[in-house]
Each structure stands twice: as C-alpha cells, then as structure tokens.
C-alpha atoms as a PDB file:
ATOM      1  CA  UNK A   1      -6.921 -22.282   2.080  1.00  0.00           C
ATOM      2  CA  UNK A   2      -4.447 -19.307   3.076  1.00  0.00           C
ATOM      3  CA  UNK A   3      -4.335 -15.905   1.331  1.00  0.00           C
ATOM      4  CA  UNK A   4      -2.222 -13.010   1.193  1.00  0.00           C
ATOM      5  CA  UNK A   5      -3.183  -9.563   0.056  1.00  0.00           C
ATOM      6  CA  UNK A   6      -1.015  -6.581  -0.309  1.00  0.00           C
ATOM      7  CA  UNK A   7      -2.345  -2.802   0.476  1.00  0.00           C
ATOM      8  CA  UNK A   8      -3.890  -2.681  -3.117  1.00  0.00           C
ATOM      9  CA  UNK A   9      -6.129  -5.987  -2.735  1.00  0.00           C
ATOM     10  CA  UNK A  10      -3.637  -8.018  -5.059  1.00  0.00           C
ATOM     11  CA  UNK A  11      -2.888 -11.603  -4.409  1.00  0.00           C
ATOM     12  CA  UNK A  12       0.862 -11.807  -3.123  1.00  0.00           C
ATOM     13  CA  UNK A  13       2.774 -15.227  -2.304  1.00  0.00           C
ATOM     14  CA  UNK A  14       0.193 -17.716  -3.154  1.00  0.00           C
ATOM     15  CA  UNK A  15       3.044 -20.663  -3.616  1.00  0.00           C
ATOM     16  CA  UNK A  16       4.477 -19.898  -0.340  1.00  0.00           C
ATOM     17  CA  UNK A  17       0.772 -19.611   1.620  1.00  0.00           C
ATOM     18  CA  UNK A  18       0.217 -23.016   0.014  1.00  0.00           C
ATOM     19  CA  UNK A  19       3.492 -24.462   1.205  1.00  0.00           C
ATOM     20  CA  UNK A  20       2.750 -23.238   4.939  1.00  0.00           C
ATOM     21  CA  UNK A  21      -0.639 -24.278   4.455  1.00  0.00           C
ATOM     22  CA  UNK A  22       0.840 -28.534   3.795  1.00  0.00           C
ATOM     23  CA  UNK A  23       3.839 -28.079   5.930  1.00  0.00           C
ATOM     24  CA  UNK A  24       1.805 -26.945   8.894  1.00  0.00           C
ATOM     25  CA  UNK A  25      -1.276 -29.067   8.381  1.00  0.00           C
ATOM     26  CA  UNK A  26      -3.454 -26.043   8.693  1.00  0.00           C
ATOM     27  CA  UNK A  27      -7.177 -26.396   7.837  1.00  0.00           C
ATOM     28  CA  UNK A  28     -10.154 -24.193   7.043  1.00  0.00           C
ATOM     29  CA  UNK A  29      -9.736 -20.398   5.490  1.00  0.00           C
ATOM     30  CA  UNK A  30      -7.392 -17.581   6.686  1.00  0.00           C
ATOM     31  CA  UNK A  31      -5.965 -14.679   5.062  1.00  0.00           C
ATOM     32  CA  UNK A  32      -3.420 -11.837   6.049  1.00  0.00           C
ATOM     33  CA  UNK A  33      -2.226  -8.653   4.994  1.00  0.00           C
ATOM     34  CA  UNK A  34       1.096  -7.706   3.328  1.00  0.00           C
ATOM     35  CA  UNK A  35       2.571  -4.081   3.438  1.00  0.00           C
ATOM     36  CA  UNK A  36       5.807  -2.806   1.853  1.00  0.00           C
ATOM     37  CA  UNK A  37       7.676  -0.160   3.360  1.00  0.00           C
ATOM     38  CA  UNK A  38      10.782   2.102   3.251  1.00  0.00           C
ATOM     39  CA  UNK A  39      13.549   2.018   5.975  1.00  0.00           C
ATOM     40  CA  UNK A  40      11.960   5.199   7.675  1.00  0.00           C
ATOM     41  CA  UNK A  41       8.224   3.987   7.950  1.00  0.00           C
ATOM     42  CA  UNK A  42       9.123   0.796   9.643  1.00  0.00           C
ATOM     43  CA  UNK A  43      11.590   2.527  12.229  1.00  0.00           C
ATOM     44  CA  UNK A  44       8.707   4.628  13.323  1.00  0.00           C
ATOM     45  CA  UNK A  45       6.662   1.120  13.256  1.00  0.00           C
ATOM     46  CA  UNK A  46       9.111  -0.621  15.429  1.00  0.00           C
ATOM     47  CA  UNK A  47       9.413   2.801  17.644  1.00  0.00           C
ATOM     48  CA  UNK A  48       5.433   2.749  18.089  1.00  0.00           C
ATOM     49  CA  UNK A  49       4.974  -0.537  18.440  1.00  0.00           C
ATOM     50  CA  UNK A  50       7.485  -2.242  19.912  1.00  0.00           C
ATOM     51  CA  UNK A  51       9.723   0.816  21.920  1.00  0.00           C
ATOM     52  CA  UNK A  52      12.614  -0.008  19.581  1.00  0.00           C
ATOM     53  CA  UNK A  53      14.006   3.124  17.940  1.00  0.00           C
ATOM     54  CA  UNK A  54      15.555   1.215  14.959  1.00  0.00           C
ATOM     55  CA  UNK A  55      15.246  -0.239  11.409  1.00  0.00           C
ATOM     56  CA  UNK A  56      14.330  -3.719  10.970  1.00  0.00           C
ATOM     57  CA  UNK A  57      13.399  -6.021   8.079  1.00  0.00           C
ATOM     58  CA  UNK A  58      10.001  -7.255   9.315  1.00  0.00           C
ATOM     59  CA  UNK A  59       7.216  -6.694  11.764  1.00  0.00           C
ATOM     60  CA  UNK A  60       4.036  -9.180  12.160  1.00  0.00           C
ATOM     61  CA  UNK A  61       0.925  -7.413  13.591  1.00  0.00           C
ATOM     62  CA  UNK A  62      -1.085 -10.673  14.816  1.00  0.00           C
ATOM     63  CA  UNK A  63      -4.853 -10.217  15.062  1.00  0.00           C
ATOM     64  CA  UNK A  64      -5.864 -13.239  16.942  1.00  0.00           C
ATOM     65  CA  UNK A  65      -4.911 -13.335  20.619  1.00  0.00           C
ATOM     66  CA  UNK A  66      -4.481 -16.855  20.714  1.00  0.00           C
ATOM     67  CA  UNK A  67      -3.872 -18.441  17.238  1.00  0.00           C
ATOM     68  CA  UNK A  68      -3.765 -22.334  16.713  1.00  0.00           C
ATOM     69  CA  UNK A  69      -2.422 -24.289  14.336  1.00  0.00           C
ATOM     70  CA  UNK A  70      -4.057 -27.264  15.218  1.00  0.00           C
ATOM     71  CA  UNK A  71      -7.865 -26.122  14.986  1.00  0.00           C
ATOM     72  CA  UNK A  72      -9.278 -25.089  11.726  1.00  0.00           C
ATOM     73  CA  UNK A  73      -9.500 -21.696  10.548  1.00  0.00           C
ATOM     74  CA  UNK A  74     -13.562 -21.402  10.216  1.00  0.00           C
ATOM     75  CA  UNK A  75     -16.534 -19.866  11.515  1.00  0.00           C
ATOM     76  CA  UNK A  76     -17.396 -22.363  14.355  1.00  0.00           C
ATOM     77  CA  UNK A  77     -14.038 -21.842  15.807  1.00  0.00           C
ATOM     78  CA  UNK A  78     -13.486 -18.148  15.060  1.00  0.00           C
ATOM     79  CA  UNK A  79     -17.113 -16.930  15.071  1.00  0.00           C
ATOM     80  CA  UNK A  80     -16.199 -13.187  15.551  1.00  0.00           C
ATOM     81  CA  UNK A  81     -12.942 -13.356  13.306  1.00  0.00           C
ATOM     82  CA  UNK A  82     -14.451 -15.095  10.185  1.00  0.00           C
ATOM     83  CA  UNK A  83     -15.242 -13.528   6.943  1.00  0.00           C
ATOM     84  CA  UNK A  84     -17.251 -15.606   4.537  1.00  0.00           C
ATOM     85  CA  UNK A  85     -15.314 -14.394   1.728  1.00  0.00           C
ATOM     86  CA  UNK A  86     -11.616 -15.017   3.047  1.00  0.00           C
ATOM     87  CA  UNK A  87     -12.039 -16.667   6.283  1.00  0.00           C
ATOM     88  CA  UNK A  88     -10.308 -16.089   9.655  1.00  0.00           C
ATOM     89  CA  UNK A  89      -8.208 -12.872   9.393  1.00  0.00           C
ATOM     90  CA  UNK A  90      -4.543 -13.464  10.880  1.00  0.00           C
ATOM     91  CA  UNK A  91      -3.294 -10.173  10.837  1.00  0.00           C
ATOM     92  CA  UNK A  92      -0.601  -8.112   9.083  1.00  0.00           C
ATOM     93  CA  UNK A  93       3.074  -8.541   8.090  1.00  0.00           C
ATOM     94  CA  UNK A  94       5.119  -5.410   6.988  1.00  0.00           C
ATOM     95  CA  UNK A  95       8.642  -5.741   5.276  1.00  0.00           C
ATOM     96  CA  UNK A  96      11.251  -3.103   4.620  1.00  0.00           C
ATOM     97  CA  UNK A  97      12.227  -3.536   0.972  1.00  0.00           C
ATOM     98  CA  UNK A  98      15.353  -1.501   1.434  1.00  0.00           C
ATOM     99  CA  UNK A  99      16.446  -3.761   4.351  1.00  0.00           C
ATOM    100  CA  UNK A 100      15.622  -6.797   2.557  1.00  0.00           C
ATOM    101  CA  UNK A 101      17.617  -5.674  -0.564  1.00  0.00           C
ATOM    102  CA  UNK A 102      20.273  -5.418   1.741  1.00  0.00           C
ATOM    103  CA  UNK A 103      20.268  -8.540   3.589  1.00  0.00           C
ATOM    104  CA  UNK A 104      20.087 -10.355   0.212  1.00  0.00           C
ATOM    105  CA  UNK A 105      23.643  -8.903  -0.658  1.00  0.00           C
ATOM    106  CA  UNK A 106      24.904  -9.462   2.705  1.00  0.00           C
ATOM    107  CA  UNK A 107      23.803 -13.066   2.790  1.00  0.00           C
ATOM    108  CA  UNK A 108      24.684 -14.183  -0.898  1.00  0.00           C
ATOM    109  CA  UNK A 109      21.015 -14.588  -2.313  1.00  0.00           C
ATOM    110  CA  UNK A 110      18.497 -12.885  -4.352  1.00  0.00           C
ATOM    111  CA  UNK A 111      16.041 -10.356  -3.356  1.00  0.00           C
ATOM    112  CA  UNK A 112      13.226 -12.774  -3.944  1.00  0.00           C
ATOM    113  CA  UNK A 113      14.830 -15.525  -1.570  1.00  0.00           C
ATOM    114  CA  UNK A 114      14.994 -12.729   1.150  1.00  0.00           C
ATOM    115  CA  UNK A 115      11.497 -11.365   0.719  1.00  0.00           C
ATOM    116  CA  UNK A 116      10.168 -14.852   0.797  1.00  0.00           C
ATOM    117  CA  UNK A 117      12.322 -15.641   3.843  1.00  0.00           C
ATOM    118  CA  UNK A 118      10.962 -12.469   5.758  1.00  0.00           C
ATOM    119  CA  UNK A 119       7.346 -13.056   4.684  1.00  0.00           C
ATOM    120  CA  UNK A 120       7.414 -16.863   5.832  1.00  0.00           C
ATOM    121  CA  UNK A 121       9.235 -15.285   9.328  1.00  0.00           C
ATOM    122  CA  UNK A 122       6.361 -12.680   9.350  1.00  0.00           C
ATOM    123  CA  UNK A 123       3.771 -15.474   8.916  1.00  0.00           C
ATOM    124  CA  UNK A 124       4.898 -17.747  11.446  1.00  0.00           C
ATOM    125  CA  UNK A 125       4.780 -14.888  14.090  1.00  0.00           C
ATOM    126  CA  UNK A 126       0.734 -14.365  12.992  1.00  0.00           C
ATOM    127  CA  UNK A 127       0.371 -18.258  13.688  1.00  0.00           C
ATOM    128  CA  UNK A 128       1.875 -18.051  17.018  1.00  0.00           C
ATOM    129  CA  UNK A 129       5.328 -19.395  16.513  1.00  0.00           C
ATOM    130  CA  UNK A 130       8.322 -17.305  18.129  1.00  0.00           C
ATOM    131  CA  UNK A 131      11.923 -17.514  18.657  1.00  0.00           C
ATOM    132  CA  UNK A 132      12.454 -15.880  22.352  1.00  0.00           C
ATOM    133  CA  UNK A 133      14.019 -19.278  23.831  1.00  0.00           C
ATOM    134  CA  UNK A 134      16.573 -21.516  21.612  1.00  0.00           C
ATOM    135  CA  UNK A 135      14.015 -24.318  21.434  1.00  0.00           C
ATOM    136  CA  UNK A 136      11.635 -22.308  19.862  1.00  0.00           C
ATOM    137  CA  UNK A 137      14.071 -20.631  17.498  1.00  0.00           C
ATOM    138  CA  UNK A 138      15.196 -23.930  16.451  1.00  0.00           C
ATOM    139  CA  UNK A 139      11.661 -25.308  15.708  1.00  0.00           C
ATOM    140  CA  UNK A 140      10.497 -21.795  14.337  1.00  0.00           C
ATOM    141  CA  UNK A 141      13.897 -22.040  11.902  1.00  0.00           C
ATOM    142  CA  UNK A 142      13.062 -25.735  10.959  1.00  0.00           C
ATOM    143  CA  UNK A 143       9.663 -24.825   9.680  1.00  0.00           C
ATOM    144  CA  UNK A 144      10.583 -21.662   8.029  1.00  0.00           C
ATOM    145  CA  UNK A 145      13.246 -23.772   5.939  1.00  0.00           C
ATOM    146  CA  UNK A 146      10.746 -26.648   5.223  1.00  0.00           C
ATOM    147  CA  UNK A 147       8.386 -24.129   3.594  1.00  0.00           C
ATOM    148  CA  UNK A 148      10.762 -22.170   1.629  1.00  0.00           C
ATOM    149  CA  UNK A 149      12.462 -25.565   0.301  1.00  0.00           C
ATOM    150  CA  UNK A 150       8.782 -27.118  -0.642  1.00  0.00           C
ATOM    151  CA  UNK A 151       8.337 -23.607  -2.596  1.00  0.00           C
ATOM    152  CA  UNK A 152      11.515 -23.596  -4.521  1.00  0.00           C
ATOM    153  CA  UNK A 153      10.580 -26.920  -6.145  1.00  0.00           C
END
C-alpha cells in the first residue's frame, strides 16, 4: 500500500497512490508527505535546495538515497527506514497552488487534473525516476500518463 499524508496528517490522493502502486507493480508499504505552498514559499525552497531563484510548480525531496521499484518496501529491505504503521517513508512533495492554477488555465484543463499530474510527477521522482535525458523523460512521461489515465477511470 502507498499512502500520502498532508501536513495535517490527512490522507490525500488515495486513488492516484493506488493507481501508481498497480502500474509500477510496487510491493510492501510506503508513505509520503504532501505540502501545498504559495509561490513565495516554493521560490525560497527552490533557491535554498536547488540554487534556482525562480518559482516552480513542484519539488520533490526524496528520503531514500537509492529507492527501488523492484524490491518490496518492507522492514527486511529498508530496516532503518521502516515505520511499523506506515511502511517506508519515501519523502516529501511540495506543490505550488498558484502555479498549478495558472498551468491548468494555460493547458486548458481543470486544476484537479493539473494538481494530480504534479503529484504523480513528484511521486515518480521520489521513486527514483528522472527526466534529465530524453530516454528517461519519455519513460517518466509514459508512467505519468498511465497512472493518470488509470485514475480517471
């Protein structure tokens, strides 16, 4: 099971987490944190963590140094990172509400669709996916779309 909790401890994006779990064939239990911020907060985070003095839509802060989608998230494989109640902590995703709203308008879809996409994008980063080269970008985009399409059914 994959679960996402916001800063208030409320369960978020449960359907997307389930879709991701099935599409990526994940095993075991894992959880992550989700935080929504304004453009000023995300700009500060982006500058302090990536040395980029600009507003962005989503940032991911992986907790695991080498996450793997091929081994189970359990105590045996992650003995120091396993929590009995929630499993392995993957990290945190930070989404800028203002940028998500602007991008939804720009791309002509709902704010929910944009926020769902940003969440999936951030989640895939926590799981070790990246888009630095074209091949990796293509793989990541395919996973994002599969997860989102499954969730929309």
